[in-house]
Amino acid sequence: MPKNVSQQIYRVIAQECGVKAKAITGKTLFMSNPNFSYFEVVAALYTLQHKLHVYLPESDYGKYETVGALTRNIISQLKRQK
């Protein structure tokens, strides 16, 4: 499950932020990425919430310094749902 979920997350971020999916890795800066606008990042987070049925409150956005941090949070939530 984690690899498939990671790939979904990377694709959504790439699509919403206007970059190639290959450019997204776990180490990619997320909230502080100078290539992503705040609005693109928020759109990606909303899309991920709806596609993966997870909860990503705005108060936690600052915790997602990298795509890897976001991915770990989402995978953790998905595991708890089972």
PDB file of N, CA and C in Angstrom:
ATOM      1  N   MET A   1       0.802  -1.213   0.000  1.00  0.00           N
ATOM      2  CA  MET A   1       0.000   0.000   0.000  1.00  0.00           C
ATOM      3  C   MET A   1       0.843   1.275   0.000  1.00  0.00           C
ATOM      4  N   PRO A   2       1.859   1.424   0.844  1.00  0.00           N
ATOM      5  CA  PRO A   2       2.570   2.699   0.929  1.00  0.00           C
ATOM      6  C   PRO A   2       3.137   3.196  -0.399  1.00  0.00           C
ATOM      7  N   LYS A   3       3.725   2.304  -1.208  1.00  0.00           N
ATOM      8  CA  LYS A   3       4.317   2.762  -2.465  1.00  0.00           C
ATOM      9  C   LYS A   3       3.234   3.308  -3.392  1.00  0.00           C
ATOM     10  N   ASN A   4       2.118   2.610  -3.501  1.00  0.00           N
ATOM     11  CA  ASN A   4       1.024   3.062  -4.338  1.00  0.00           C
ATOM     12  C   ASN A   4       0.475   4.400  -3.835  1.00  0.00           C
ATOM     13  N   VAL A   5       0.324   4.525  -2.534  1.00  0.00           N
ATOM     14  CA  VAL A   5      -0.168   5.781  -1.943  1.00  0.00           C
ATOM     15  C   VAL A   5       0.834   6.898  -2.213  1.00  0.00           C
ATOM     16  N   SER A   6       2.092   6.616  -2.039  1.00  0.00           N
ATOM     17  CA  SER A   6       3.131   7.625  -2.304  1.00  0.00           C
ATOM     18  C   SER A   6       3.042   8.110  -3.736  1.00  0.00           C
ATOM     19  N   GLN A   7       2.890   7.198  -4.661  1.00  0.00           N
ATOM     20  CA  GLN A   7       2.806   7.573  -6.071  1.00  0.00           C
ATOM     21  C   GLN A   7       1.572   8.427  -6.334  1.00  0.00           C
ATOM     22  N   GLN A   8       0.447   8.090  -5.716  1.00  0.00           N
ATOM     23  CA  GLN A   8      -0.763   8.902  -5.864  1.00  0.00           C
ATOM     24  C   GLN A   8      -0.524  10.317  -5.347  1.00  0.00           C
ATOM     25  N   ILE A   9       0.095  10.407  -4.179  1.00  0.00           N
ATOM     26  CA  ILE A   9       0.378  11.713  -3.576  1.00  0.00           C
ATOM     27  C   ILE A   9       1.278  12.533  -4.494  1.00  0.00           C
ATOM     28  N   TYR A  10       2.329  11.914  -4.995  1.00  0.00           N
ATOM     29  CA  TYR A  10       3.267  12.621  -5.878  1.00  0.00           C
ATOM     30  C   TYR A  10       2.556  13.118  -7.137  1.00  0.00           C
ATOM     31  N   ARG A  11       1.688  12.283  -7.714  1.00  0.00           N
ATOM     32  CA  ARG A  11       0.961  12.682  -8.925  1.00  0.00           C
ATOM     33  C   ARG A  11       0.041  13.868  -8.666  1.00  0.00           C
ATOM     34  N   VAL A  12      -0.668  13.835  -7.548  1.00  0.00           N
ATOM     35  CA  VAL A  12      -1.579  14.939  -7.220  1.00  0.00           C
ATOM     36  C   VAL A  12      -0.789  16.229  -7.026  1.00  0.00           C
ATOM     37  N   ILE A  13       0.290  16.154  -6.283  1.00  0.00           N
ATOM     38  CA  ILE A  13       1.111  17.352  -6.045  1.00  0.00           C
ATOM     39  C   ILE A  13       1.660  17.886  -7.365  1.00  0.00           C
ATOM     40  N   ALA A  14       2.155  16.995  -8.204  1.00  0.00           N
ATOM     41  CA  ALA A  14       2.694  17.424  -9.500  1.00  0.00           C
ATOM     42  C   ALA A  14       1.622  18.102 -10.332  1.00  0.00           C
ATOM     43  N   GLN A  15       0.455  17.506 -10.377  1.00  0.00           N
ATOM     44  CA  GLN A  15      -0.640  18.064 -11.176  1.00  0.00           C
ATOM     45  C   GLN A  15      -1.077  19.433 -10.646  1.00  0.00           C
ATOM     46  N   GLU A  16      -1.284  19.527  -9.340  1.00  0.00           N
ATOM     47  CA  GLU A  16      -1.770  20.778  -8.756  1.00  0.00           C
ATOM     48  C   GLU A  16      -0.719  21.887  -8.768  1.00  0.00           C
ATOM     49  N   CYS A  17       0.555  21.498  -8.708  1.00  0.00           N
ATOM     50  CA  CYS A  17       1.623  22.497  -8.637  1.00  0.00           C
ATOM     51  C   CYS A  17       2.299  22.738  -9.982  1.00  0.00           C
ATOM     52  N   GLY A  18       1.820  22.053 -11.025  1.00  0.00           N
ATOM     53  CA  GLY A  18       2.320  22.309 -12.368  1.00  0.00           C
ATOM     54  C   GLY A  18       3.737  21.864 -12.635  1.00  0.00           C
ATOM     55  N   VAL A  19       4.123  20.728 -12.047  1.00  0.00           N
ATOM     56  CA  VAL A  19       5.456  20.180 -12.312  1.00  0.00           C
ATOM     57  C   VAL A  19       5.307  18.733 -12.776  1.00  0.00           C
ATOM     58  N   LYS A  20       6.377  18.166 -13.287  1.00  0.00           N
ATOM     59  CA  LYS A  20       6.358  16.769 -13.721  1.00  0.00           C
ATOM     60  C   LYS A  20       6.390  15.865 -12.493  1.00  0.00           C
ATOM     61  N   ALA A  21       5.662  14.770 -12.552  1.00  0.00           N
ATOM     62  CA  ALA A  21       5.601  13.834 -11.422  1.00  0.00           C
ATOM     63  C   ALA A  21       6.991  13.326 -11.044  1.00  0.00           C
ATOM     64  N   LYS A  22       7.861  13.174 -12.022  1.00  0.00           N
ATOM     65  CA  LYS A  22       9.223  12.693 -11.749  1.00  0.00           C
ATOM     66  C   LYS A  22      10.008  13.676 -10.885  1.00  0.00           C
ATOM     67  N   ALA A  23       9.568  14.932 -10.862  1.00  0.00           N
ATOM     68  CA  ALA A  23      10.267  15.961 -10.085  1.00  0.00           C
ATOM     69  C   ALA A  23       9.916  15.888  -8.601  1.00  0.00           C
ATOM     70  N   ILE A  24       8.900  15.110  -8.243  1.00  0.00           N
ATOM     71  CA  ILE A  24       8.442  15.023  -6.861  1.00  0.00           C
ATOM     72  C   ILE A  24       9.028  13.784  -6.195  1.00  0.00           C
ATOM     73  N   THR A  25       9.685  13.978  -5.071  1.00  0.00           N
ATOM     74  CA  THR A  25      10.209  12.877  -4.257  1.00  0.00           C
ATOM     75  C   THR A  25       9.842  13.159  -2.804  1.00  0.00           C
ATOM     76  N   GLY A  26      10.165  12.239  -1.941  1.00  0.00           N
ATOM     77  CA  GLY A  26       9.914  12.434  -0.520  1.00  0.00           C
ATOM     78  C   GLY A  26      10.691  13.607   0.057  1.00  0.00           C
ATOM     79  N   LYS A  27      11.804  13.950  -0.576  1.00  0.00           N
ATOM     80  CA  LYS A  27      12.647  15.045  -0.085  1.00  0.00           C
ATOM     81  C   LYS A  27      12.273  16.410  -0.670  1.00  0.00           C
ATOM     82  N   THR A  28      11.318  16.420  -1.591  1.00  0.00           N
ATOM     83  CA  THR A  28      10.897  17.679  -2.203  1.00  0.00           C
ATOM     84  C   THR A  28      10.298  18.590  -1.140  1.00  0.00           C
ATOM     85  N   LEU A  29      10.784  19.821  -1.092  1.00  0.00           N
ATOM     86  CA  LEU A  29      10.187  20.797  -0.174  1.00  0.00           C
ATOM     87  C   LEU A  29       8.736  20.998  -0.580  1.00  0.00           C
ATOM     88  N   PHE A  30       7.878  21.169   0.411  1.00  0.00           N
ATOM     89  CA  PHE A  30       6.468  21.284   0.093  1.00  0.00           C
ATOM     90  C   PHE A  30       5.946  22.672   0.436  1.00  0.00           C
ATOM     91  N   MET A  31       5.667  22.934   1.689  1.00  0.00           N
ATOM     92  CA  MET A  31       5.075  24.225   2.070  1.00  0.00           C
ATOM     93  C   MET A  31       6.011  25.400   1.769  1.00  0.00           C
ATOM     94  N   SER A  32       7.306  25.186   1.876  1.00  0.00           N
ATOM     95  CA  SER A  32       8.250  26.294   1.667  1.00  0.00           C
ATOM     96  C   SER A  32       8.921  26.245   0.295  1.00  0.00           C
ATOM     97  N   ASN A  33       8.369  25.478  -0.625  1.00  0.00           N
ATOM     98  CA  ASN A  33       8.966  25.355  -1.947  1.00  0.00           C
ATOM     99  C   ASN A  33       8.752  26.650  -2.737  1.00  0.00           C
ATOM    100  N   PRO A  34       9.840  27.285  -3.172  1.00  0.00           N
ATOM    101  CA  PRO A  34       9.682  28.548  -3.902  1.00  0.00           C
ATOM    102  C   PRO A  34       9.027  28.378  -5.274  1.00  0.00           C
ATOM    103  N   ASN A  35       8.962  27.148  -5.773  1.00  0.00           N
ATOM    104  CA  ASN A  35       8.354  26.896  -7.079  1.00  0.00           C
ATOM    105  C   ASN A  35       6.845  26.639  -6.998  1.00  0.00           C
ATOM    106  N   PHE A  36       6.322  26.467  -5.782  1.00  0.00           N
ATOM    107  CA  PHE A  36       4.894  26.207  -5.596  1.00  0.00           C
ATOM    108  C   PHE A  36       4.258  27.417  -4.926  1.00  0.00           C
ATOM    109  N   SER A  37       3.125  27.849  -5.448  1.00  0.00           N
ATOM    110  CA  SER A  37       2.414  28.928  -4.761  1.00  0.00           C
ATOM    111  C   SER A  37       1.632  28.322  -3.594  1.00  0.00           C
ATOM    112  N   TYR A  38       1.316  29.143  -2.636  1.00  0.00           N
ATOM    113  CA  TYR A  38       0.532  28.683  -1.486  1.00  0.00           C
ATOM    114  C   TYR A  38      -0.793  28.100  -1.956  1.00  0.00           C
ATOM    115  N   PHE A  39      -1.387  28.723  -2.949  1.00  0.00           N
ATOM    116  CA  PHE A  39      -2.689  28.273  -3.451  1.00  0.00           C
ATOM    117  C   PHE A  39      -2.589  26.904  -4.126  1.00  0.00           C
ATOM    118  N   GLU A  40      -1.485  26.657  -4.820  1.00  0.00           N
ATOM    119  CA  GLU A  40      -1.276  25.343  -5.439  1.00  0.00           C
ATOM    120  C   GLU A  40      -1.141  24.264  -4.370  1.00  0.00           C
ATOM    121  N   VAL A  41      -0.397  24.573  -3.331  1.00  0.00           N
ATOM    122  CA  VAL A  41      -0.196  23.626  -2.239  1.00  0.00           C
ATOM    123  C   VAL A  41      -1.526  23.332  -1.549  1.00  0.00           C
ATOM    124  N   VAL A  42      -2.299  24.350  -1.258  1.00  0.00           N
ATOM    125  CA  VAL A  42      -3.599  24.157  -0.610  1.00  0.00           C
ATOM    126  C   VAL A  42      -4.513  23.329  -1.514  1.00  0.00           C
ATOM    127  N   ALA A  43      -4.496  23.596  -2.808  1.00  0.00           N
ATOM    128  CA  ALA A  43      -5.309  22.814  -3.741  1.00  0.00           C
ATOM    129  C   ALA A  43      -4.886  21.347  -3.719  1.00  0.00           C
ATOM    130  N   ALA A  44      -3.584  21.098  -3.657  1.00  0.00           N
ATOM    131  CA  ALA A  44      -3.085  19.724  -3.599  1.00  0.00           C
ATOM    132  C   ALA A  44      -3.554  19.038  -2.317  1.00  0.00           C
ATOM    133  N   LEU A  45      -3.494  19.752  -1.198  1.00  0.00           N
ATOM    134  CA  LEU A  45      -3.917  19.167   0.075  1.00  0.00           C
ATOM    135  C   LEU A  45      -5.412  18.855   0.077  1.00  0.00           C
ATOM    136  N   TYR A  46      -6.209  19.746  -0.458  1.00  0.00           N
ATOM    137  CA  TYR A  46      -7.662  19.498  -0.546  1.00  0.00           C
ATOM    138  C   TYR A  46      -7.950  18.300  -1.453  1.00  0.00           C
ATOM    139  N   THR A  47      -7.256  18.236  -2.575  1.00  0.00           N
ATOM    140  CA  THR A  47      -7.451  17.115  -3.497  1.00  0.00           C
ATOM    141  C   THR A  47      -7.075  15.803  -2.818  1.00  0.00           C
ATOM    142  N   LEU A  48      -5.965  15.798  -2.101  1.00  0.00           N
ATOM    143  CA  LEU A  48      -5.538  14.581  -1.399  1.00  0.00           C
ATOM    144  C   LEU A  48      -6.548  14.168  -0.336  1.00  0.00           C
ATOM    145  N   GLN A  49      -7.087  15.131   0.374  1.00  0.00           N
ATOM    146  CA  GLN A  49      -8.106  14.808   1.387  1.00  0.00           C
ATOM    147  C   GLN A  49      -9.285  14.079   0.756  1.00  0.00           C
ATOM    148  N   HIS A  50      -9.739  14.575  -0.364  1.00  0.00           N
ATOM    149  CA  HIS A  50     -10.918  13.998  -1.001  1.00  0.00           C
ATOM    150  C   HIS A  50     -10.620  12.667  -1.686  1.00  0.00           C
ATOM    151  N   LYS A  51      -9.474  12.555  -2.331  1.00  0.00           N
ATOM    152  CA  LYS A  51      -9.138  11.320  -3.038  1.00  0.00           C
ATOM    153  C   LYS A  51      -8.826  10.176  -2.077  1.00  0.00           C
ATOM    154  N   LEU A  52      -8.132  10.509  -0.984  1.00  0.00           N
ATOM    155  CA  LEU A  52      -7.653   9.457  -0.072  1.00  0.00           C
ATOM    156  C   LEU A  52      -8.481   9.352   1.204  1.00  0.00           C
ATOM    157  N   HIS A  53      -9.452  10.232   1.365  1.00  0.00           N
ATOM    158  CA  HIS A  53     -10.334  10.211   2.539  1.00  0.00           C
ATOM    159  C   HIS A  53      -9.543  10.319   3.848  1.00  0.00           C
ATOM    160  N   VAL A  54      -8.700  11.346   3.894  1.00  0.00           N
ATOM    161  CA  VAL A  54      -7.909  11.644   5.095  1.00  0.00           C
ATOM    162  C   VAL A  54      -8.242  13.065   5.540  1.00  0.00           C
ATOM    163  N   TYR A  55      -7.781  13.416   6.734  1.00  0.00           N
ATOM    164  CA  TYR A  55      -8.035  14.742   7.287  1.00  0.00           C
ATOM    165  C   TYR A  55      -6.717  15.490   7.414  1.00  0.00           C
ATOM    166  N   LEU A  56      -6.613  16.603   6.708  1.00  0.00           N
ATOM    167  CA  LEU A  56      -5.413  17.431   6.739  1.00  0.00           C
ATOM    168  C   LEU A  56      -5.830  18.852   7.135  1.00  0.00           C
ATOM    169  N   PRO A  57      -5.939  19.109   8.442  1.00  0.00           N
ATOM    170  CA  PRO A  57      -6.395  20.427   8.889  1.00  0.00           C
ATOM    171  C   PRO A  57      -5.389  21.529   8.546  1.00  0.00           C
ATOM    172  N   GLU A  58      -5.926  22.689   8.254  1.00  0.00           N
ATOM    173  CA  GLU A  58      -5.061  23.823   7.911  1.00  0.00           C
ATOM    174  C   GLU A  58      -4.048  24.138   9.006  1.00  0.00           C
ATOM    175  N   SER A  59      -4.414  23.887  10.239  1.00  0.00           N
ATOM    176  CA  SER A  59      -3.495  24.168  11.350  1.00  0.00           C
ATOM    177  C   SER A  59      -2.249  23.281  11.299  1.00  0.00           C
ATOM    178  N   ASP A  60      -2.300  22.186  10.540  1.00  0.00           N
ATOM    179  CA  ASP A  60      -1.150  21.276  10.423  1.00  0.00           C
ATOM    180  C   ASP A  60      -0.308  21.524   9.176  1.00  0.00           C
ATOM    181  N   TYR A  61      -0.722  22.409   8.299  1.00  0.00           N
ATOM    182  CA  TYR A  61      -0.010  22.599   7.038  1.00  0.00           C
ATOM    183  C   TYR A  61       1.472  22.887   7.242  1.00  0.00           C
ATOM    184  N   GLY A  62       1.813  23.643   8.258  1.00  0.00           N
ATOM    185  CA  GLY A  62       3.206  23.983   8.518  1.00  0.00           C
ATOM    186  C   GLY A  62       4.071  22.785   8.864  1.00  0.00           C
ATOM    187  N   LYS A  63       3.459  21.681   9.253  1.00  0.00           N
ATOM    188  CA  LYS A  63       4.206  20.467   9.602  1.00  0.00           C
ATOM    189  C   LYS A  63       4.727  19.739   8.367  1.00  0.00           C
ATOM    190  N   TYR A  64       4.176  20.065   7.210  1.00  0.00           N
ATOM    191  CA  TYR A  64       4.544  19.351   5.993  1.00  0.00           C
ATOM    192  C   TYR A  64       5.667  20.071   5.258  1.00  0.00           C
ATOM    193  N   GLU A  65       6.828  20.060   5.872  1.00  0.00           N
ATOM    194  CA  GLU A  65       7.970  20.738   5.263  1.00  0.00           C
ATOM    195  C   GLU A  65       8.390  20.057   3.965  1.00  0.00           C
ATOM    196  N   THR A  66       8.283  18.728   3.943  1.00  0.00           N
ATOM    197  CA  THR A  66       8.630  17.972   2.741  1.00  0.00           C
ATOM    198  C   THR A  66       7.441  17.119   2.316  1.00  0.00           C
ATOM    199  N   VAL A  67       7.485  16.668   1.087  1.00  0.00           N
ATOM    200  CA  VAL A  67       6.452  15.763   0.597  1.00  0.00           C
ATOM    201  C   VAL A  67       6.494  14.461   1.404  1.00  0.00           C
ATOM    202  N   GLY A  68       7.669  14.055   1.837  1.00  0.00           N
ATOM    203  CA  GLY A  68       7.809  12.850   2.649  1.00  0.00           C
ATOM    204  C   GLY A  68       7.064  12.963   3.973  1.00  0.00           C
ATOM    205  N   ALA A  69       7.122  14.122   4.613  1.00  0.00           N
ATOM    206  CA  ALA A  69       6.404  14.328   5.876  1.00  0.00           C
ATOM    207  C   ALA A  69       4.903  14.224   5.649  1.00  0.00           C
ATOM    208  N   LEU A  70       4.426  14.805   4.581  1.00  0.00           N
ATOM    209  CA  LEU A  70       3.006  14.717   4.241  1.00  0.00           C
ATOM    210  C   LEU A  70       2.625  13.270   3.954  1.00  0.00           C
ATOM    211  N   THR A  71       3.445  12.577   3.194  1.00  0.00           N
ATOM    212  CA  THR A  71       3.171  11.189   2.834  1.00  0.00           C
ATOM    213  C   THR A  71       3.104  10.305   4.076  1.00  0.00           C
ATOM    214  N   ARG A  72       4.032  10.483   4.989  1.00  0.00           N
ATOM    215  CA  ARG A  72       4.021   9.691   6.234  1.00  0.00           C
ATOM    216  C   ARG A  72       2.735   9.932   7.027  1.00  0.00           C
ATOM    217  N   ASN A  73       2.306  11.185   7.086  1.00  0.00           N
ATOM    218  CA  ASN A  73       1.070  11.514   7.798  1.00  0.00           C
ATOM    219  C   ASN A  73      -0.123  10.816   7.151  1.00  0.00           C
ATOM    220  N   ILE A  74      -0.215  10.888   5.843  1.00  0.00           N
ATOM    221  CA  ILE A  74      -1.345  10.278   5.143  1.00  0.00           C
ATOM    222  C   ILE A  74      -1.336   8.765   5.301  1.00  0.00           C
ATOM    223  N   ILE A  75      -0.184   8.136   5.139  1.00  0.00           N
ATOM    224  CA  ILE A  75      -0.094   6.678   5.282  1.00  0.00           C
ATOM    225  C   ILE A  75      -0.472   6.269   6.697  1.00  0.00           C
ATOM    226  N   SER A  76      -0.040   7.026   7.684  1.00  0.00           N
ATOM    227  CA  SER A  76      -0.394   6.737   9.075  1.00  0.00           C
ATOM    228  C   SER A  76      -1.910   6.790   9.269  1.00  0.00           C
ATOM    229  N   GLN A  77      -2.542   7.800   8.704  1.00  0.00           N
ATOM    230  CA  GLN A  77      -3.997   7.911   8.818  1.00  0.00           C
ATOM    231  C   GLN A  77      -4.700   6.739   8.132  1.00  0.00           C
ATOM    232  N   LEU A  78      -4.211   6.348   6.966  1.00  0.00           N
ATOM    233  CA  LEU A  78      -4.830   5.255   6.231  1.00  0.00           C
ATOM    234  C   LEU A  78      -4.702   3.929   6.988  1.00  0.00           C
ATOM    235  N   LYS A  79      -3.570   3.727   7.650  1.00  0.00           N
ATOM    236  CA  LYS A  79      -3.375   2.506   8.438  1.00  0.00           C
ATOM    237  C   LYS A  79      -4.337   2.472   9.623  1.00  0.00           C
ATOM    238  N   ARG A  80      -4.579   3.619  10.247  1.00  0.00           N
ATOM    239  CA  ARG A  80      -5.498   3.679  11.382  1.00  0.00           C
ATOM    240  C   ARG A  80      -6.947   3.429  10.959  1.00  0.00           C
ATOM    241  N   GLN A  81      -7.253   3.707   9.701  1.00  0.00           N
ATOM    242  CA  GLN A  81      -8.615   3.519   9.217  1.00  0.00           C
ATOM    243  C   GLN A  81      -8.972   2.042   9.044  1.00  0.00           C
ATOM    244  N   LYS A  82      -7.990   1.199   8.924  1.00  0.00           N
ATOM    245  CA  LYS A  82      -8.254  -0.233   8.677  1.00  0.00           C
ATOM    246  C   LYS A  82      -8.753  -0.932   9.911  1.00  0.00           C
TER     247      LYS A  82
END
